[in-house]
Amino acid sequence: MVFVFSLLLLFAGLGYLLYLNVTFPGLVPSYGGGERVTLSKAENYTFQIPWLAYTRLHLALQTNDTVKLYVDSEYMCDCTSYDFVVEPGEQVLILLKSDAPVSGMFTAWQEIPFEKQVLALTLVIIGLLGIGIKITGKLR
């Protein structure tokens, strides 16, 4: 019974680690893995989006033409790509401006919280210890 429980803990920990490293970074609340950007004449060649970070949030902007980038009304640069980080609990308002039609994409991914990594590794370690104890008990 201890062996089966240890195996379950081991596989639960490994599954959680896999989820944290593959799926979790792209699950940005309210946004998914990113947002499409379209600056058209109908919107006066502007695009505005607020980003709220529950965990440390990485944003990467890619556009097919140069845009003026503003973060919280502060001019940042004229660019076609830009990477920045939003700290946990912060909200930023991003404004893009252009003189011509532009399309692009914001790609977002969040950092894995340390406590979630510790939990997953703890499950793996406890599972391995239980299996080790069971195996060494049979050898005696």
N, C-alpha and C. Protein backbone atom coordinates (compact mmCIF):
# COMPACT_ATOMS: atom_id res chain seq x y z
N MET A 1 0.83 -1.20 0.00
CA MET A 1 0.00 0.00 0.00
C MET A 1 0.87 1.26 0.00
N VAL A 2 1.96 1.26 0.79
CA VAL A 2 2.86 2.40 0.84
C VAL A 2 3.49 2.62 -0.53
N PHE A 3 3.81 1.52 -1.21
CA PHE A 3 4.43 1.60 -2.53
C PHE A 3 3.48 2.27 -3.53
N VAL A 4 2.23 1.87 -3.52
CA VAL A 4 1.24 2.45 -4.44
C VAL A 4 1.03 3.93 -4.14
N PHE A 5 0.91 4.28 -2.87
CA PHE A 5 0.74 5.68 -2.47
C PHE A 5 1.96 6.51 -2.89
N SER A 6 3.16 5.94 -2.71
CA SER A 6 4.39 6.64 -3.10
C SER A 6 4.44 6.85 -4.61
N LEU A 7 4.03 5.84 -5.37
CA LEU A 7 3.98 5.98 -6.83
C LEU A 7 3.00 7.08 -7.23
N LEU A 8 1.84 7.11 -6.57
CA LEU A 8 0.86 8.16 -6.86
C LEU A 8 1.42 9.55 -6.58
N LEU A 9 2.11 9.69 -5.44
CA LEU A 9 2.73 10.99 -5.12
C LEU A 9 3.79 11.36 -6.14
N LEU A 10 4.61 10.38 -6.54
CA LEU A 10 5.66 10.62 -7.51
C LEU A 10 5.06 11.09 -8.84
N PHE A 11 4.06 10.37 -9.33
CA PHE A 11 3.45 10.74 -10.61
C PHE A 11 2.67 12.05 -10.52
N ALA A 12 2.05 12.31 -9.37
CA ALA A 12 1.36 13.59 -9.19
C ALA A 12 2.37 14.74 -9.23
N GLY A 13 3.50 14.57 -8.56
CA GLY A 13 4.54 15.61 -8.56
C GLY A 13 5.13 15.81 -9.95
N LEU A 14 5.40 14.72 -10.66
CA LEU A 14 5.94 14.83 -12.03
C LEU A 14 4.93 15.48 -12.97
N GLY A 15 3.66 15.10 -12.82
CA GLY A 15 2.61 15.71 -13.66
C GLY A 15 2.47 17.20 -13.37
N TYR A 16 2.55 17.56 -12.10
CA TYR A 16 2.44 18.97 -11.72
C TYR A 16 3.64 19.77 -12.24
N LEU A 17 4.84 19.19 -12.16
CA LEU A 17 6.02 19.84 -12.73
C LEU A 17 5.87 20.05 -14.23
N LEU A 18 5.38 19.04 -14.92
CA LEU A 18 5.16 19.15 -16.36
C LEU A 18 4.15 20.27 -16.66
N TYR A 19 3.05 20.28 -15.92
CA TYR A 19 2.04 21.33 -16.09
C TYR A 19 2.64 22.73 -15.85
N LEU A 20 3.42 22.86 -14.75
CA LEU A 20 4.00 24.16 -14.41
C LEU A 20 4.96 24.66 -15.47
N ASN A 21 5.71 23.77 -16.09
CA ASN A 21 6.73 24.19 -17.04
C ASN A 21 6.25 24.26 -18.48
N VAL A 22 5.15 23.59 -18.80
CA VAL A 22 4.67 23.58 -20.19
C VAL A 22 3.42 24.44 -20.35
N THR A 23 2.42 24.22 -19.51
CA THR A 23 1.12 24.88 -19.69
C THR A 23 0.98 26.18 -18.91
N PHE A 24 1.38 26.19 -17.65
CA PHE A 24 1.15 27.33 -16.76
C PHE A 24 1.66 28.67 -17.29
N PRO A 25 2.89 28.75 -17.86
CA PRO A 25 3.37 30.07 -18.30
C PRO A 25 2.46 30.76 -19.31
N GLY A 26 1.76 30.00 -20.14
CA GLY A 26 0.88 30.61 -21.14
C GLY A 26 -0.53 30.90 -20.67
N LEU A 27 -0.85 30.52 -19.45
CA LEU A 27 -2.20 30.74 -18.92
C LEU A 27 -2.26 32.07 -18.18
N VAL A 28 -2.19 33.15 -18.91
CA VAL A 28 -2.23 34.48 -18.32
C VAL A 28 -3.70 34.86 -18.13
N PRO A 29 -4.12 35.08 -16.86
CA PRO A 29 -5.54 35.39 -16.61
C PRO A 29 -6.04 36.57 -17.44
N SER A 30 -7.18 36.39 -18.03
CA SER A 30 -7.90 37.38 -18.86
C SER A 30 -7.32 37.55 -20.26
N TYR A 31 -6.14 37.03 -20.53
CA TYR A 31 -5.52 37.28 -21.82
C TYR A 31 -5.16 36.01 -22.59
N GLY A 32 -5.03 34.89 -21.90
CA GLY A 32 -4.50 33.69 -22.57
C GLY A 32 -3.01 33.89 -22.78
N GLY A 33 -2.51 33.48 -23.92
CA GLY A 33 -1.08 33.59 -24.19
C GLY A 33 -0.70 34.86 -24.91
N GLY A 34 -1.67 35.72 -25.19
CA GLY A 34 -1.35 36.96 -25.87
C GLY A 34 -2.57 37.64 -26.45
N GLU A 35 -2.35 38.75 -27.11
CA GLU A 35 -3.41 39.55 -27.71
C GLU A 35 -2.97 40.05 -29.08
N ARG A 36 -3.87 39.99 -30.03
CA ARG A 36 -3.60 40.54 -31.35
C ARG A 36 -3.68 42.06 -31.31
N VAL A 37 -2.87 42.70 -32.14
CA VAL A 37 -2.81 44.15 -32.22
C VAL A 37 -3.16 44.57 -33.64
N THR A 38 -4.12 45.48 -33.77
CA THR A 38 -4.46 46.02 -35.08
C THR A 38 -4.67 47.52 -34.95
N LEU A 39 -3.85 48.28 -35.67
CA LEU A 39 -4.00 49.73 -35.73
C LEU A 39 -4.56 50.05 -37.11
N SER A 40 -5.78 50.54 -37.14
CA SER A 40 -6.42 50.83 -38.42
C SER A 40 -6.97 52.25 -38.42
N LYS A 41 -7.39 52.68 -39.59
CA LYS A 41 -7.92 54.04 -39.74
C LYS A 41 -9.16 54.23 -38.87
N ALA A 42 -9.97 53.19 -38.71
CA ALA A 42 -11.19 53.28 -37.91
C ALA A 42 -10.89 53.64 -36.46
N GLU A 43 -9.73 53.21 -35.95
CA GLU A 43 -9.33 53.54 -34.57
C GLU A 43 -8.31 54.66 -34.55
N ASN A 44 -8.19 55.41 -35.65
CA ASN A 44 -7.24 56.52 -35.75
C ASN A 44 -5.80 56.04 -35.56
N TYR A 45 -5.52 54.82 -36.01
CA TYR A 45 -4.19 54.19 -35.93
C TYR A 45 -3.65 54.15 -34.51
N THR A 46 -4.53 53.85 -33.56
CA THR A 46 -4.11 53.68 -32.17
C THR A 46 -4.66 52.36 -31.63
N PHE A 47 -3.99 51.83 -30.65
CA PHE A 47 -4.43 50.61 -29.97
C PHE A 47 -4.03 50.74 -28.51
N GLN A 48 -4.96 50.45 -27.61
CA GLN A 48 -4.71 50.60 -26.18
C GLN A 48 -5.15 49.34 -25.47
N ILE A 49 -4.32 48.86 -24.54
CA ILE A 49 -4.67 47.66 -23.77
C ILE A 49 -4.06 47.74 -22.38
N PRO A 50 -4.87 47.44 -21.34
CA PRO A 50 -4.32 47.36 -19.98
C PRO A 50 -3.84 45.93 -19.72
N TRP A 51 -2.74 45.79 -19.01
CA TRP A 51 -2.23 44.48 -18.61
C TRP A 51 -2.13 44.46 -17.09
N LEU A 52 -2.78 43.47 -16.47
CA LEU A 52 -2.75 43.29 -15.02
C LEU A 52 -1.98 42.01 -14.73
N ALA A 53 -1.00 42.09 -13.85
CA ALA A 53 -0.16 40.94 -13.54
C ALA A 53 -0.49 40.37 -12.16
N TYR A 54 -0.85 39.10 -12.12
CA TYR A 54 -1.06 38.41 -10.85
C TYR A 54 0.25 37.78 -10.38
N THR A 55 1.07 37.36 -11.34
CA THR A 55 2.44 36.91 -11.07
C THR A 55 3.32 37.74 -12.00
N ARG A 56 4.62 37.57 -11.92
CA ARG A 56 5.52 38.33 -12.80
C ARG A 56 5.20 37.99 -14.24
N LEU A 57 4.87 39.01 -15.03
CA LEU A 57 4.36 38.82 -16.38
C LEU A 57 5.34 39.38 -17.40
N HIS A 58 5.73 38.55 -18.35
CA HIS A 58 6.62 38.97 -19.43
C HIS A 58 5.77 39.24 -20.66
N LEU A 59 6.02 40.37 -21.31
CA LEU A 59 5.31 40.75 -22.53
C LEU A 59 6.30 40.99 -23.65
N ALA A 60 5.97 40.49 -24.81
CA ALA A 60 6.79 40.72 -26.00
C ALA A 60 5.86 41.25 -27.09
N LEU A 61 6.21 42.39 -27.64
CA LEU A 61 5.43 43.01 -28.72
C LEU A 61 6.16 42.79 -30.04
N GLN A 62 5.43 42.34 -31.04
CA GLN A 62 5.96 42.19 -32.40
C GLN A 62 4.94 42.81 -33.36
N THR A 63 5.39 43.74 -34.20
CA THR A 63 4.50 44.34 -35.19
C THR A 63 5.16 44.30 -36.56
N ASN A 64 4.33 44.46 -37.61
CA ASN A 64 4.87 44.40 -38.97
C ASN A 64 5.39 45.76 -39.46
N ASP A 65 5.22 46.80 -38.66
CA ASP A 65 5.72 48.13 -39.01
C ASP A 65 5.99 48.89 -37.70
N THR A 66 6.70 49.98 -37.80
CA THR A 66 7.09 50.75 -36.62
C THR A 66 5.88 51.41 -35.96
N VAL A 67 5.84 51.32 -34.62
CA VAL A 67 4.79 51.97 -33.83
C VAL A 67 5.46 52.79 -32.74
N LYS A 68 4.74 53.79 -32.25
CA LYS A 68 5.17 54.54 -31.07
C LYS A 68 4.57 53.82 -29.87
N LEU A 69 5.43 53.45 -28.92
CA LEU A 69 5.00 52.69 -27.75
C LEU A 69 4.99 53.60 -26.52
N TYR A 70 3.84 53.61 -25.83
CA TYR A 70 3.68 54.35 -24.58
C TYR A 70 3.26 53.37 -23.49
N VAL A 71 3.88 53.47 -22.32
CA VAL A 71 3.50 52.66 -21.17
C VAL A 71 3.10 53.62 -20.07
N ASP A 72 1.85 53.54 -19.63
CA ASP A 72 1.29 54.46 -18.63
C ASP A 72 1.53 55.91 -19.04
N SER A 73 1.23 56.23 -20.28
CA SER A 73 1.33 57.56 -20.88
C SER A 73 2.77 58.06 -21.03
N GLU A 74 3.75 57.23 -20.74
CA GLU A 74 5.15 57.61 -20.88
C GLU A 74 5.70 57.01 -22.17
N TYR A 75 6.24 57.88 -23.04
CA TYR A 75 6.80 57.42 -24.31
C TYR A 75 7.99 56.51 -24.05
N MET A 76 8.01 55.35 -24.72
CA MET A 76 9.11 54.40 -24.55
C MET A 76 10.03 54.41 -25.77
N CYS A 77 9.45 54.21 -26.98
CA CYS A 77 10.29 54.13 -28.17
C CYS A 77 9.44 54.01 -29.44
N ASP A 78 10.09 54.18 -30.57
CA ASP A 78 9.55 53.78 -31.87
C ASP A 78 10.14 52.41 -32.16
N CYS A 79 9.29 51.40 -32.35
CA CYS A 79 9.83 50.05 -32.47
C CYS A 79 8.91 49.14 -33.27
N THR A 80 9.46 48.00 -33.66
CA THR A 80 8.67 46.91 -34.25
C THR A 80 8.64 45.72 -33.29
N SER A 81 9.52 45.73 -32.30
CA SER A 81 9.49 44.70 -31.26
C SER A 81 10.00 45.31 -29.96
N TYR A 82 9.44 44.82 -28.86
CA TYR A 82 9.82 45.34 -27.56
C TYR A 82 9.44 44.29 -26.50
N ASP A 83 10.32 44.07 -25.54
CA ASP A 83 10.07 43.13 -24.44
C ASP A 83 10.10 43.90 -23.13
N PHE A 84 9.16 43.58 -22.23
CA PHE A 84 9.19 44.19 -20.91
C PHE A 84 8.48 43.29 -19.91
N VAL A 85 8.61 43.64 -18.64
CA VAL A 85 8.09 42.84 -17.54
C VAL A 85 7.14 43.69 -16.70
N VAL A 86 6.01 43.08 -16.31
CA VAL A 86 5.06 43.71 -15.40
C VAL A 86 5.16 42.94 -14.09
N GLU A 87 5.45 43.63 -13.01
CA GLU A 87 5.63 42.99 -11.71
C GLU A 87 4.28 42.57 -11.12
N PRO A 88 4.27 41.58 -10.22
CA PRO A 88 3.02 41.11 -9.61
C PRO A 88 2.24 42.24 -8.94
N GLY A 89 0.94 42.26 -9.18
CA GLY A 89 0.07 43.26 -8.58
C GLY A 89 0.02 44.59 -9.32
N GLU A 90 0.86 44.77 -10.31
CA GLU A 90 0.86 46.03 -11.07
C GLU A 90 -0.07 45.93 -12.27
N GLN A 91 -0.54 47.08 -12.70
CA GLN A 91 -1.31 47.18 -13.93
C GLN A 91 -0.67 48.27 -14.77
N VAL A 92 -0.46 47.98 -16.04
CA VAL A 92 0.09 48.98 -16.96
C VAL A 92 -0.88 49.16 -18.11
N LEU A 93 -0.93 50.38 -18.60
CA LEU A 93 -1.75 50.70 -19.76
C LEU A 93 -0.80 50.95 -20.93
N ILE A 94 -0.93 50.14 -21.95
CA ILE A 94 -0.05 50.24 -23.11
C ILE A 94 -0.82 50.86 -24.26
N LEU A 95 -0.20 51.86 -24.86
CA LEU A 95 -0.79 52.56 -25.99
C LEU A 95 0.18 52.48 -27.17
N LEU A 96 -0.33 52.09 -28.31
CA LEU A 96 0.45 52.05 -29.54
C LEU A 96 -0.15 53.06 -30.52
N LYS A 97 0.72 53.82 -31.20
CA LYS A 97 0.28 54.79 -32.20
C LYS A 97 1.10 54.61 -33.46
N SER A 98 0.44 54.93 -34.59
CA SER A 98 1.13 54.82 -35.87
C SER A 98 0.51 55.81 -36.85
N ASP A 99 1.18 55.99 -37.99
CA ASP A 99 0.65 56.85 -39.05
C ASP A 99 0.04 56.03 -40.18
N ALA A 100 0.15 54.70 -40.08
CA ALA A 100 -0.34 53.81 -41.13
C ALA A 100 -0.89 52.53 -40.47
N PRO A 101 -1.61 51.73 -41.23
CA PRO A 101 -2.12 50.47 -40.66
C PRO A 101 -0.98 49.55 -40.22
N VAL A 102 -1.14 48.97 -39.04
CA VAL A 102 -0.15 48.06 -38.48
C VAL A 102 -0.88 46.90 -37.82
N SER A 103 -0.29 45.72 -37.93
CA SER A 103 -0.83 44.57 -37.19
C SER A 103 0.33 43.89 -36.48
N GLY A 104 -0.01 43.16 -35.45
CA GLY A 104 1.03 42.48 -34.69
C GLY A 104 0.44 41.67 -33.56
N MET A 105 1.29 41.37 -32.59
CA MET A 105 0.88 40.49 -31.51
C MET A 105 1.65 40.80 -30.23
N PHE A 106 0.93 40.81 -29.11
CA PHE A 106 1.54 40.79 -27.79
C PHE A 106 1.57 39.33 -27.37
N THR A 107 2.73 38.82 -27.03
CA THR A 107 2.86 37.48 -26.48
C THR A 107 3.14 37.63 -24.99
N ALA A 108 2.37 36.90 -24.18
CA ALA A 108 2.50 37.02 -22.74
C ALA A 108 2.79 35.66 -22.11
N TRP A 109 3.66 35.65 -21.12
CA TRP A 109 3.88 34.44 -20.33
C TRP A 109 4.23 34.86 -18.92
N GLN A 110 3.78 34.05 -17.97
CA GLN A 110 4.01 34.38 -16.56
C GLN A 110 5.06 33.45 -15.97
N GLU A 111 5.77 33.97 -14.99
CA GLU A 111 6.76 33.17 -14.30
C GLU A 111 6.06 32.22 -13.34
N ILE A 112 6.68 31.08 -13.12
CA ILE A 112 6.13 30.09 -12.22
C ILE A 112 6.45 30.51 -10.78
N PRO A 113 5.43 30.66 -9.93
CA PRO A 113 5.69 31.04 -8.54
C PRO A 113 6.55 29.98 -7.83
N PHE A 114 7.47 30.45 -7.02
CA PHE A 114 8.42 29.58 -6.33
C PHE A 114 7.71 28.53 -5.47
N GLU A 115 6.64 28.94 -4.77
CA GLU A 115 5.96 28.00 -3.89
C GLU A 115 5.31 26.84 -4.65
N LYS A 116 4.88 27.09 -5.90
CA LYS A 116 4.33 26.01 -6.72
C LYS A 116 5.42 25.03 -7.13
N GLN A 117 6.60 25.53 -7.44
CA GLN A 117 7.72 24.66 -7.78
C GLN A 117 8.14 23.82 -6.58
N VAL A 118 8.18 24.43 -5.41
CA VAL A 118 8.55 23.72 -4.19
C VAL A 118 7.54 22.61 -3.90
N LEU A 119 6.25 22.88 -4.06
CA LEU A 119 5.22 21.87 -3.82
C LEU A 119 5.41 20.68 -4.76
N ALA A 120 5.62 20.95 -6.04
CA ALA A 120 5.79 19.86 -7.01
C ALA A 120 7.03 19.03 -6.68
N LEU A 121 8.13 19.68 -6.37
CA LEU A 121 9.36 18.95 -6.03
C LEU A 121 9.21 18.17 -4.72
N THR A 122 8.47 18.71 -3.77
CA THR A 122 8.23 18.01 -2.52
C THR A 122 7.45 16.72 -2.77
N LEU A 123 6.43 16.78 -3.62
CA LEU A 123 5.67 15.57 -3.96
C LEU A 123 6.57 14.52 -4.59
N VAL A 124 7.44 14.95 -5.50
CA VAL A 124 8.36 14.01 -6.15
C VAL A 124 9.31 13.39 -5.12
N ILE A 125 9.87 14.20 -4.25
CA ILE A 125 10.83 13.70 -3.26
C ILE A 125 10.16 12.74 -2.28
N ILE A 126 8.97 13.08 -1.79
CA ILE A 126 8.26 12.19 -0.87
C ILE A 126 7.93 10.87 -1.56
N GLY A 127 7.49 10.95 -2.81
CA GLY A 127 7.21 9.73 -3.56
C GLY A 127 8.45 8.87 -3.72
N LEU A 128 9.58 9.48 -4.06
CA LEU A 128 10.83 8.72 -4.21
C LEU A 128 11.29 8.13 -2.89
N LEU A 129 11.15 8.90 -1.80
CA LEU A 129 11.53 8.38 -0.48
C LEU A 129 10.67 7.18 -0.09
N GLY A 130 9.38 7.27 -0.34
CA GLY A 130 8.49 6.15 -0.02
C GLY A 130 8.84 4.91 -0.82
N ILE A 131 9.14 5.10 -2.09
CA ILE A 131 9.55 3.94 -2.93
C ILE A 131 10.86 3.37 -2.43
N GLY A 132 11.81 4.26 -2.11
CA GLY A 132 13.11 3.80 -1.59
C GLY A 132 12.99 3.04 -0.30
N ILE A 133 12.15 3.52 0.61
CA ILE A 133 11.93 2.85 1.90
C ILE A 133 11.31 1.48 1.67
N LYS A 134 10.36 1.39 0.78
CA LYS A 134 9.70 0.13 0.50
C LYS A 134 10.67 -0.87 -0.11
N ILE A 135 11.49 -0.41 -1.05
CA ILE A 135 12.46 -1.29 -1.71
C ILE A 135 13.53 -1.76 -0.73
N THR A 136 14.08 -0.86 0.08
CA THR A 136 15.13 -1.28 1.04
C THR A 136 14.54 -2.17 2.13
N GLY A 137 13.28 -2.01 2.45
CA GLY A 137 12.63 -2.89 3.42
C GLY A 137 12.50 -4.31 2.89
N LYS A 138 12.29 -4.48 1.59
CA LYS A 138 12.18 -5.81 0.99
C LYS A 138 13.54 -6.48 0.88
N LEU A 139 14.61 -5.69 0.75
CA LEU A 139 15.94 -6.25 0.60
C LEU A 139 16.47 -6.85 1.90
N ARG A 140 15.95 -6.43 3.02
CA ARG A 140 16.46 -6.90 4.32
C ARG A 140 15.87 -8.20 4.71
